[in-house]
Protein backbone atom coordinates (compact mmCIF):
# COMPACT_ATOMS: atom_id res chain seq x y z
CA UNK A 1 -0.01 0.02 0.02
CA UNK A 2 0.36 1.99 0.67
CA UNK A 3 -1.56 0.64 -1.99
CA UNK A 4 -0.24 -2.86 -1.32
CA UNK A 5 -1.20 -3.96 2.07
CA UNK A 6 -0.11 -7.14 3.80
CA UNK A 7 -3.27 -9.22 4.40
CA UNK A 8 -4.31 -9.29 8.11
CA UNK A 9 -2.00 -6.38 8.98
CA UNK A 10 -2.61 -2.68 9.27
CA UNK A 11 -1.37 -0.93 6.25
CA UNK A 12 2.55 -0.57 6.42
CA UNK A 13 2.84 1.18 3.13
CA UNK A 14 1.80 1.21 -0.66
CA UNK A 15 1.75 -0.37 -3.72
CA UNK A 16 4.61 -0.25 -4.15
CA UNK A 17 7.71 0.23 -6.67
CA UNK A 18 11.30 0.17 -5.56
CA UNK A 19 12.64 2.49 -8.12
CA UNK A 20 15.54 3.49 -5.94
CA UNK A 21 16.67 -0.16 -6.43
CA UNK A 22 17.39 0.16 -10.14
CA UNK A 23 19.89 -2.07 -11.93
CA UNK A 24 21.98 0.83 -13.18
CA UNK A 25 25.21 1.77 -11.51
CA UNK A 26 24.28 5.32 -10.67
CA UNK A 27 27.80 6.46 -9.99
CA UNK A 28 27.22 9.82 -11.57
CA UNK A 29 28.98 9.27 -14.93
CA UNK A 30 26.91 10.89 -17.64
CA UNK A 31 28.44 8.71 -20.40
CA UNK A 32 28.80 5.42 -18.74
CA UNK A 33 28.23 2.49 -21.02
CA UNK A 34 25.92 0.69 -18.44
CA UNK A 35 23.15 3.10 -19.30
CA UNK A 36 22.94 2.16 -22.80
CA UNK A 37 19.75 0.37 -23.77
CA UNK A 38 20.35 -3.25 -22.83
CA UNK A 39 19.50 -6.18 -25.10
CA UNK A 40 16.35 -7.95 -23.92
CA UNK A 41 14.97 -5.08 -21.90
CA UNK A 42 12.93 -3.63 -24.86
CA UNK A 43 10.88 -6.39 -25.91
CA UNK A 44 13.37 -8.51 -27.80
CA UNK A 45 14.42 -11.99 -26.46
CA UNK A 46 17.52 -11.92 -24.27
CA UNK A 47 19.83 -14.72 -23.20
CA UNK A 48 18.13 -17.72 -22.01
CA UNK A 49 19.30 -17.33 -18.44
CA UNK A 50 17.60 -13.95 -18.12
CA UNK A 51 20.87 -11.93 -17.83
CA UNK A 52 21.72 -9.25 -20.30
CA UNK A 53 25.40 -9.91 -21.23
CA UNK A 54 27.48 -10.24 -24.41
CA UNK A 55 27.66 -14.01 -23.81
CA UNK A 56 26.36 -16.71 -21.42
CA UNK A 57 27.97 -16.28 -18.00
CA UNK A 58 27.78 -14.04 -14.96
CA UNK A 59 26.57 -10.43 -15.43
CA UNK A 60 29.42 -8.09 -16.03
CA UNK A 61 30.04 -4.75 -14.07
CA UNK A 62 27.85 -2.03 -15.52
CA UNK A 63 25.47 -4.29 -17.23
CA UNK A 64 21.68 -4.62 -16.27
CA UNK A 65 20.20 -7.76 -14.89
CA UNK A 66 17.18 -8.48 -17.09
CA UNK A 67 15.73 -11.01 -14.61
CA UNK A 68 15.49 -8.27 -12.00
CA UNK A 69 13.75 -5.90 -14.53
CA UNK A 70 11.29 -8.67 -15.46
CA UNK A 71 10.54 -9.33 -11.61
CA UNK A 72 10.05 -5.67 -11.14
CA UNK A 73 7.73 -5.56 -14.14
CA UNK A 74 5.69 -8.44 -12.87
CA UNK A 75 5.53 -6.68 -9.46
CA UNK A 76 4.06 -3.53 -11.09
CA UNK A 77 1.19 -5.64 -12.36
CA UNK A 78 0.55 -7.05 -8.79
CA UNK A 79 0.72 -3.54 -7.35
CA UNK A 80 -1.70 -2.14 -9.85
CA UNK A 81 -4.06 -5.05 -9.30
CA UNK A 82 -4.37 -4.36 -5.57
CA UNK A 83 -4.19 -0.64 -5.75
CA UNK A 84 -7.10 -0.53 -8.24
CA UNK A 85 -9.41 -1.27 -5.38
CA UNK A 86 -8.07 1.56 -3.31
CA UNK A 87 -8.36 4.10 -6.21
CA UNK A 88 -12.16 3.63 -6.01
CA UNK A 89 -13.00 2.71 -2.40
CA UNK A 90 -12.00 4.02 1.03
CA UNK A 91 -8.95 2.93 2.88
CA UNK A 92 -11.01 2.34 6.01
CA UNK A 93 -13.14 -0.27 4.13
CA UNK A 94 -10.20 -2.65 4.68
CA UNK A 95 -10.75 -2.51 8.46
CA UNK A 96 -14.41 -3.21 8.17
CA UNK A 97 -16.81 -5.89 7.06
CA UNK A 98 -18.87 -3.33 5.33
CA UNK A 99 -19.25 -4.55 1.66
CA UNK A 100 -20.03 -2.25 -1.23
CA UNK A 101 -20.18 -5.17 -3.66
CA UNK A 102 -22.36 -8.20 -3.17
CA UNK A 103 -22.45 -9.75 -6.69
CA UNK A 104 -20.95 -13.18 -6.87
CA UNK A 105 -18.26 -12.26 -9.43
CA UNK A 106 -17.17 -9.16 -7.50
CA UNK A 107 -16.93 -11.32 -4.29
CA UNK A 108 -14.80 -13.90 -6.03
CA UNK A 109 -12.44 -11.34 -7.47
CA UNK A 110 -12.00 -9.64 -4.06
CA UNK A 111 -11.21 -13.02 -2.34
CA UNK A 112 -8.75 -14.05 -5.10
CA UNK A 113 -6.92 -10.60 -4.78
CA UNK A 114 -6.77 -11.00 -1.03
CA UNK A 115 -5.40 -14.57 -1.33
CA UNK A 116 -2.88 -14.14 -4.16
CA UNK A 117 -2.09 -10.41 -4.38
CA UNK A 118 -2.62 -8.56 -1.18
CA UNK A 119 0.80 -7.93 0.51
CA UNK A 120 2.73 -10.16 -1.92
CA UNK A 121 3.90 -7.59 -4.40
CA UNK A 122 4.84 -4.86 -1.88
CA UNK A 123 6.97 -7.70 -0.42
CA UNK A 124 8.48 -8.45 -3.85
CA UNK A 125 9.27 -4.75 -4.52
CA UNK A 126 10.80 -4.22 -1.18
CA UNK A 127 13.01 -7.29 -1.67
CA UNK A 128 14.06 -5.96 -5.19
CA UNK A 129 14.90 -2.61 -3.60
CA UNK A 130 17.45 -4.29 -1.29
CA UNK A 131 18.93 -6.25 -4.40
CA UNK A 132 19.29 -3.15 -6.35
CA UNK A 133 21.03 -1.25 -3.60
CA UNK A 134 23.51 -4.13 -3.34
CA UNK A 135 24.14 -4.02 -7.04
CA UNK A 136 24.72 -0.34 -6.98
CA UNK A 137 27.21 -0.42 -4.15
CA UNK A 138 28.96 -3.37 -5.69
CA UNK A 139 29.47 -1.63 -8.95
CA UNK A 140 30.52 1.59 -7.29
CA UNK A 141 33.21 -0.45 -5.28
CA UNK A 142 34.37 -2.01 -8.60
CA UNK A 143 34.99 1.38 -9.88
CA UNK A 144 36.77 2.56 -6.78
CA UNK A 145 34.03 5.00 -5.86
CA UNK A 146 31.91 5.75 -2.85
CA UNK A 147 28.28 5.61 -3.81
CA UNK A 148 26.81 6.70 -0.33
CA UNK A 149 26.75 10.50 -1.21
CA UNK A 150 24.84 9.66 -4.48
CA UNK A 151 22.58 7.26 -2.73
CA UNK A 152 21.61 9.78 -0.09
CA UNK A 153 20.76 12.39 -2.80
CA UNK A 154 18.77 9.83 -4.66
CA UNK A 155 16.72 9.02 -1.63
CA UNK A 156 16.21 12.67 -0.68
CA UNK A 157 14.78 13.41 -4.03
CA UNK A 158 12.73 10.18 -3.91
CA UNK A 159 11.30 11.34 -0.67
CA UNK A 160 10.36 14.74 -2.20
CA UNK A 161 8.64 12.95 -5.18
CA UNK A 162 6.88 10.81 -2.70
CA UNK A 163 5.50 13.61 -0.67
CA UNK A 164 4.28 15.32 -3.76
CA UNK A 165 2.68 12.08 -4.88
CA UNK A 166 1.08 11.21 -1.51
CA UNK A 167 -0.40 14.66 -0.71
CA UNK A 168 -1.05 15.89 -4.26
CA UNK A 169 -2.14 12.71 -6.19
CA UNK A 170 -2.88 9.66 -3.99
CA UNK A 171 -2.70 8.72 -0.31
CA UNK A 172 -1.43 5.22 -1.14
CA UNK A 173 2.21 6.36 -1.79
CA UNK A 174 4.98 4.01 -1.08
CA UNK A 175 7.97 6.12 -2.13
CA UNK A 176 8.18 8.15 1.21
CA UNK A 177 8.33 4.97 3.14
CA UNK A 178 11.03 3.47 0.84
CA UNK A 179 13.02 6.69 1.01
CA UNK A 180 12.82 6.73 4.90
CA UNK A 181 13.85 3.12 5.37
CA UNK A 182 16.28 3.36 2.62
CA UNK A 183 18.36 5.82 4.66
CA UNK A 184 18.41 3.18 7.46
CA UNK A 185 19.72 0.60 5.04
CA UNK A 186 22.90 2.51 4.82
CA UNK A 187 23.68 1.24 8.43
CA UNK A 188 23.67 -2.32 7.16
CA UNK A 189 25.57 -2.10 3.88
CA UNK A 190 28.96 -3.53 5.17
CA UNK A 191 27.32 -5.91 7.79
CA UNK A 192 27.97 -9.61 7.80
CA UNK A 193 25.42 -12.06 6.33
CA UNK A 194 24.68 -13.31 9.86
CA UNK A 195 23.90 -9.87 11.02
CA UNK A 196 21.64 -9.24 8.06
CA UNK A 197 19.70 -12.48 8.71
CA UNK A 198 19.25 -11.74 12.31
CA UNK A 199 17.98 -8.27 11.77
CA UNK A 200 15.82 -9.45 8.86
CA UNK A 201 13.96 -11.86 11.07
CA UNK A 202 13.62 -9.38 13.98
CA UNK A 203 12.12 -6.65 11.75
CA UNK A 204 9.77 -9.02 9.82
CA UNK A 205 8.50 -10.27 13.12
CA UNK A 206 8.14 -6.97 14.83
CA UNK A 207 4.69 -6.16 13.64
CA UNK A 208 3.55 -9.52 14.78
CA UNK A 209 5.10 -8.94 18.23
CA UNK A 210 3.34 -5.59 18.50
CA UNK A 211 0.10 -7.14 17.63
CA UNK A 212 0.66 -10.02 20.01
CA UNK A 213 1.40 -7.72 22.78
CA UNK A 214 -1.65 -5.58 22.13
CA UNK A 215 -3.76 -8.71 22.01
CA UNK A 216 -2.45 -9.97 25.33
CA UNK A 217 -3.06 -6.70 26.98
CA UNK A 218 -6.69 -6.65 25.57
CA UNK A 219 -7.42 -10.22 26.42
CA UNK A 220 -6.09 -9.85 30.06
CA UNK A 221 -7.98 -6.60 30.51
CA UNK A 222 -11.22 -8.26 29.48
CA UNK A 223 -10.98 -10.63 32.42
CA UNK A 224 -12.03 -7.68 34.57
CA UNK A 225 -15.64 -6.51 34.10
CA UNK A 226 -14.98 -2.87 34.16
CA UNK A 227 -12.07 -3.08 31.74
CA UNK A 228 -14.05 -5.37 29.50
CA UNK A 229 -16.75 -2.85 29.30
CA UNK A 230 -14.43 -0.11 28.46
CA UNK A 231 -12.86 -2.13 25.72
CA UNK A 232 -16.17 -3.02 24.14
CA UNK A 233 -17.17 0.63 24.29
CA UNK A 234 -13.85 1.68 22.68
CA UNK A 235 -14.19 -0.91 20.00
CA UNK A 236 -17.69 0.28 19.27
CA UNK A 237 -16.44 3.73 18.99
CA UNK A 238 -13.77 2.84 16.49
CA UNK A 239 -16.28 0.88 14.50
CA UNK A 240 -18.59 3.99 14.40
CA UNK A 241 -15.66 6.30 13.50
CA UNK A 242 -14.61 3.78 10.73
CA UNK A 243 -18.05 3.63 9.23
CA UNK A 244 -18.12 7.58 9.38
CA UNK A 245 -14.81 7.71 7.67
CA UNK A 246 -15.98 5.32 4.92
CA UNK A 247 -19.02 7.53 4.15
CA UNK A 248 -17.03 10.68 4.33
CA UNK A 249 -14.46 9.41 1.81
CA UNK A 250 -17.25 8.34 -0.56
CA UNK A 251 -18.81 11.89 -0.43
CA UNK A 252 -15.56 13.80 -0.67
CA UNK A 253 -13.84 11.76 -3.39
CA UNK A 254 -17.09 11.39 -5.55
CA UNK A 255 -18.38 14.89 -5.23
CA UNK A 256 -16.15 17.24 -3.16
CA UNK A 257 -14.08 20.27 -4.29
CA UNK A 258 -10.39 19.82 -5.06
CA UNK A 259 -9.65 21.44 -1.68
CA UNK A 260 -11.92 19.09 0.14
CA UNK A 261 -10.29 16.12 -1.59
CA UNK A 262 -6.78 17.52 -0.64
CA UNK A 263 -7.86 17.67 2.98
CA UNK A 264 -9.38 14.20 2.93
CA UNK A 265 -6.18 12.75 1.29
CA UNK A 266 -4.07 14.47 3.89
CA UNK A 267 -5.95 12.82 6.77
CA UNK A 268 -5.45 9.46 5.08
CA UNK A 269 -1.70 10.05 4.55
CA UNK A 270 -1.37 10.92 8.16
CA UNK A 271 -3.20 7.80 9.19
CA UNK A 272 -0.89 5.64 7.03
CA UNK A 273 2.22 7.22 8.25
CA UNK A 274 1.12 6.81 11.89
CA UNK A 275 0.75 3.19 11.31
CA UNK A 276 3.88 2.74 9.26
CA UNK A 277 6.36 4.71 11.40
CA UNK A 278 4.85 4.80 14.96
CA UNK A 279 3.48 1.35 15.27
CA UNK A 280 6.30 -0.63 13.58
CA UNK A 281 4.41 -1.96 10.53
CA UNK A 282 6.75 -0.25 8.19
CA UNK A 283 9.88 -2.02 9.68
CA UNK A 284 9.05 -5.24 7.89
CA UNK A 285 9.98 -3.27 4.76
CA UNK A 286 13.38 -2.67 6.09
CA UNK A 287 13.57 -6.36 6.91
CA UNK A 288 12.69 -7.12 3.24
CA UNK A 289 15.35 -4.56 2.12
CA UNK A 290 17.99 -6.57 4.17
CA UNK A 291 17.01 -9.86 2.60
CA UNK A 292 17.35 -8.25 -0.78
CA UNK A 293 20.67 -6.74 0.23
CA UNK A 294 21.94 -10.16 1.23
CA UNK A 295 20.65 -11.83 -2.04
CA UNK A 296 22.30 -9.08 -4.11
CA UNK A 297 25.58 -9.48 -2.43
CA UNK A 298 25.52 -13.25 -2.89
CA UNK A 299 24.60 -12.68 -6.57
CA UNK A 300 21.82 -15.24 -6.45
CA UNK A 301 19.66 -13.32 -9.07
CA UNK A 302 22.63 -12.06 -11.07
CA UNK A 303 23.69 -15.69 -11.54
CA UNK A 304 20.24 -17.25 -11.11
CA UNK A 305 21.19 -19.86 -13.98
CA UNK A 306 23.41 -21.48 -11.49
CA UNK A 307 20.63 -22.00 -8.97
CA UNK A 308 17.81 -23.48 -10.93
CA UNK A 309 17.49 -26.77 -9.06
CA UNK A 310 17.41 -24.85 -5.75
CA UNK A 311 14.85 -22.44 -7.21
CA UNK A 312 12.72 -25.43 -8.25
CA UNK A 313 12.85 -27.01 -4.83
CA UNK A 314 12.09 -23.72 -2.99
CA UNK A 315 9.04 -23.09 -5.35
CA UNK A 316 7.61 -26.47 -4.34
CA UNK A 317 7.75 -25.61 -0.78
CA UNK A 318 7.05 -21.88 -0.70
CA UNK A 319 3.93 -21.82 -2.96
CA UNK A 320 1.92 -24.41 -0.99
CA UNK A 321 3.09 -22.92 2.32
CA UNK A 322 2.35 -19.33 1.21
CA UNK A 323 -1.10 -20.34 -0.02
CA UNK A 324 -1.95 -22.07 3.16
CA UNK A 325 -0.83 -19.03 5.35
CA UNK A 326 -2.73 -16.66 3.09
CA UNK A 327 -5.89 -18.92 3.22
CA UNK A 328 -5.83 -18.83 7.08
CA UNK A 329 -5.62 -15.02 6.94
CA UNK A 330 -8.40 -14.57 4.55
CA UNK A 331 -10.62 -17.14 6.27
CA UNK A 332 -10.05 -15.79 9.74
CA UNK A 333 -10.51 -12.24 8.78
CA UNK A 334 -13.84 -12.98 7.27
CA UNK A 335 -15.00 -14.17 10.90
CA UNK A 336 -13.78 -11.32 13.06
CA UNK A 337 -15.74 -8.06 13.65
CA UNK A 338 -12.91 -5.74 13.00
CA UNK A 339 -9.96 -7.38 11.24
CA UNK A 340 -7.35 -4.98 12.49
CA UNK A 341 -8.37 -4.81 16.08
CA UNK A 342 -6.31 -6.90 18.68
CA UNK A 343 -8.03 -10.35 19.35
CA UNK A 344 -7.06 -14.07 19.51
CA UNK A 345 -8.44 -14.67 15.93
CA UNK A 346 -6.93 -11.48 14.75
CA UNK A 347 -3.58 -12.73 15.97
CA UNK A 348 -4.08 -15.96 14.19
CA UNK A 349 -4.79 -14.03 11.02
CA UNK A 350 -1.53 -12.11 11.62
CA UNK A 351 0.47 -15.33 12.00
CA UNK A 352 -1.01 -16.55 8.67
CA UNK A 353 0.06 -13.35 7.10
CA UNK A 354 3.69 -13.45 8.46
CA UNK A 355 3.95 -16.90 7.05
CA UNK A 356 1.84 -16.73 3.92
CA UNK A 357 2.84 -13.28 2.43
CA UNK A 358 6.69 -13.70 2.26
CA UNK A 359 6.33 -17.50 1.40
CA UNK A 360 4.06 -16.76 -1.52
CA UNK A 361 5.97 -13.75 -2.64
CA UNK A 362 9.28 -15.59 -2.78
CA UNK A 363 7.52 -18.53 -4.36
CA UNK A 364 6.53 -16.23 -7.17
CA UNK A 365 10.18 -15.14 -7.47
CA UNK A 366 11.31 -18.85 -7.88
CA UNK A 367 8.54 -19.45 -10.42
CA UNK A 368 9.63 -16.35 -12.49
CA UNK A 369 13.27 -17.50 -12.28
CA UNK A 370 12.29 -20.94 -13.71
CA UNK A 371 10.03 -19.50 -16.43
CA UNK A 372 12.70 -16.97 -17.51
CA UNK A 373 15.12 -19.72 -18.00
CA UNK A 374 12.63 -21.96 -19.77
CA UNK A 375 13.52 -22.66 -23.37
CA UNK A 376 9.94 -21.92 -24.62
CA UNK A 377 8.26 -19.66 -22.04
CA UNK A 378 11.26 -17.30 -21.31
CA UNK A 379 10.85 -15.16 -24.41
CA UNK A 380 7.21 -14.37 -23.39
CA UNK A 381 8.38 -12.59 -20.14
CA UNK A 382 11.01 -10.50 -21.73
CA UNK A 383 8.72 -7.61 -22.50
CA UNK A 384 8.11 -7.20 -18.74
CA UNK A 385 11.67 -5.91 -18.41
CA UNK A 386 10.73 -2.69 -20.14
CA UNK A 387 7.93 -2.11 -17.61
CA UNK A 388 10.38 -2.91 -14.82
CA UNK A 389 13.05 -0.35 -16.06
CA UNK A 390 10.29 2.28 -16.03
CA UNK A 391 8.74 1.24 -12.72
CA UNK A 392 8.68 4.72 -11.23
CA UNK A 393 7.03 6.26 -14.27
CA UNK A 394 4.55 3.45 -14.61
CA UNK A 395 3.78 3.44 -10.89
CA UNK A 396 3.03 7.16 -10.82
CA UNK A 397 1.05 6.87 -14.11
CA UNK A 398 -1.37 4.39 -12.43
CA UNK A 399 -1.99 6.96 -9.54
CA UNK A 400 -2.39 10.05 -12.07
CA UNK A 401 -4.77 8.32 -14.31
CA UNK A 402 -6.89 6.43 -12.01
CA UNK A 403 -7.27 9.32 -9.60
CA UNK A 404 -8.55 11.30 -12.55
CA UNK A 405 -11.02 8.62 -13.34
CA UNK A 406 -12.07 8.24 -9.68
CA UNK A 407 -12.10 11.77 -8.17
CA UNK A 408 -14.61 14.47 -8.60
CA UNK A 409 -12.10 16.77 -10.31
CA UNK A 410 -11.97 14.15 -13.03
CA UNK A 411 -14.73 11.74 -14.08
CA UNK A 412 -16.00 11.30 -10.45
CA UNK A 413 -16.43 7.46 -10.66
CA UNK A 414 -15.29 6.87 -7.12
CA UNK A 415 -17.40 4.06 -5.54
CA UNK A 416 -18.86 3.07 -8.89
CA UNK A 417 -16.12 0.72 -10.29
CA UNK A 418 -16.77 -2.87 -9.15
CA UNK A 419 -13.87 -5.21 -8.31
CA UNK A 420 -14.46 -7.23 -11.47
CA UNK A 421 -14.48 -4.10 -13.53
CA UNK A 422 -11.32 -2.75 -11.85
CA UNK A 423 -9.65 -6.04 -12.70
CA UNK A 424 -10.46 -5.58 -16.36
CA UNK A 425 -9.16 -2.01 -16.15
CA UNK A 426 -6.01 -3.31 -14.59
CA UNK A 427 -5.30 -5.79 -17.34
CA UNK A 428 -6.08 -3.18 -19.96
CA UNK A 429 -3.78 -0.54 -18.46
CA UNK A 430 -0.91 -2.90 -17.99
CA UNK A 431 -1.35 -4.34 -21.44
CA UNK A 432 -0.82 -0.74 -22.77
CA UNK A 433 2.20 -0.08 -20.56
CA UNK A 434 4.12 -3.05 -21.92
CA UNK A 435 4.31 -1.94 -25.57
CA UNK A 436 4.62 1.75 -24.48
CA UNK A 437 7.43 1.01 -22.15
CA UNK A 438 9.20 -0.95 -24.90
CA UNK A 439 8.70 1.76 -27.49
CA UNK A 440 9.97 4.54 -25.14
CA UNK A 441 13.13 2.54 -24.21
CA UNK A 442 14.00 1.97 -27.87
CA UNK A 443 14.33 5.73 -28.07
CA UNK A 444 15.40 6.88 -24.72
CA UNK A 445 17.76 5.70 -21.97
CA UNK A 446 15.31 6.23 -19.11
CA UNK A 447 11.61 6.55 -18.33
CA UNK A 448 10.55 10.19 -18.13
CA UNK A 449 10.30 10.36 -14.28
CA UNK A 450 13.38 8.19 -13.92
CA UNK A 451 15.24 10.90 -16.18
CA UNK A 452 13.91 13.74 -13.83
CA UNK A 453 14.91 11.92 -10.75
CA UNK A 454 18.41 11.19 -12.09
CA UNK A 455 18.99 14.77 -13.26
CA UNK A 456 17.98 16.16 -9.91
CA UNK A 457 20.27 13.72 -8.15
CA UNK A 458 23.19 14.87 -10.13
CA UNK A 459 22.24 18.49 -10.47
CA UNK A 460 22.45 18.44 -14.27
CA UNK A 461 20.44 17.23 -17.17
CA UNK A 462 21.31 13.62 -17.97
CA UNK A 463 21.73 12.28 -21.60
CA UNK A 464 18.23 11.09 -22.55
CA UNK A 465 18.38 9.74 -26.16
CA UNK A 466 19.36 6.07 -26.62
CA UNK A 467 22.41 5.64 -28.55
């Protein structure tokens, strides 16, 4: 979430791209060869093992890793699939059993998205962010340069872009969260694999620990009659406030003035930031960054062709495990009054999410690795690399276009796009972005927003035309 929300958890942050985790070196050279349009990233078939290189073998310094671009392009589709619901319905609806759509097809689409999409693609993007940071620092070291100062400037501008996006376009921004926790990632860049592993586990379990502590406090307090009455009253007030927020969002986004929409959006952004930064739910993003940092340093994706048997074994374990965990979360949340309020059943849903979301997400990674390396199917995934190379542009395009369709200052269709219709719109928009991204990158070295971001980072206009 901030579009992309982990199922069973309060929203940590959105839909996510990890644009700061690109494959390019970003060491500040305006003319470096690594920025040239790579083979296989513009819709033409690349090497069978998914790495753009002159010949089969480990990716060379300064070359893009097509597999990472494909994974990022795949994640963009998942991010859009989930965010489409939030473009046209209130954030608070996720914490309620109020249902706007009762048709069978709409309910099926909702449940499938909750099961297979919610939380899984913000996880994937966060992981890829860490991988990209590892690549950037690795390549900078190979050139004898310190990338830290450039990295800080990149994140500073990403933070600025994210704030404009969050308050000016859509509350579900993920860029601010990525920038903030990206700064913290600097503390771990030279840490050992053991340290990275320990911190990853701690940070990924932190939201569960907070929720478990809150559940224990609530359950113990309910043993006392007076406390139990106060808790029931507070929960009732929360439910009433949530229902009021849902109705207010419907009225403002569908028929309010631009200023009213800005105010409503700002209140939702404040809610998301409080959950993300004050209650610990954003720290699992840092944990995913650290997993990606370790995978990038070990070169598991750069040299994925060497680990295909391991990827196959992991996929056979992770996909069933992830599906089981996600099923627990979806089923349990359907039987609790307020899915995000502390309770024993809510804790069970959280446990299902902690297991199911990363397992399913990394199961997807293994599946994509195997498909990319498959003799017949690999070429069909190659076009996704272009979408991944323009992840920031494509992500912001989703928000701009869909808020224009949803909000009163545009078409005003907020609350009128059913989940099934939204899924059709998702497929249609993504289907347009694949050829557009391919066409653009045949002519230009970066996506338009990526070019602006890079130029701001280095304080000068960067070469745009592809050689």
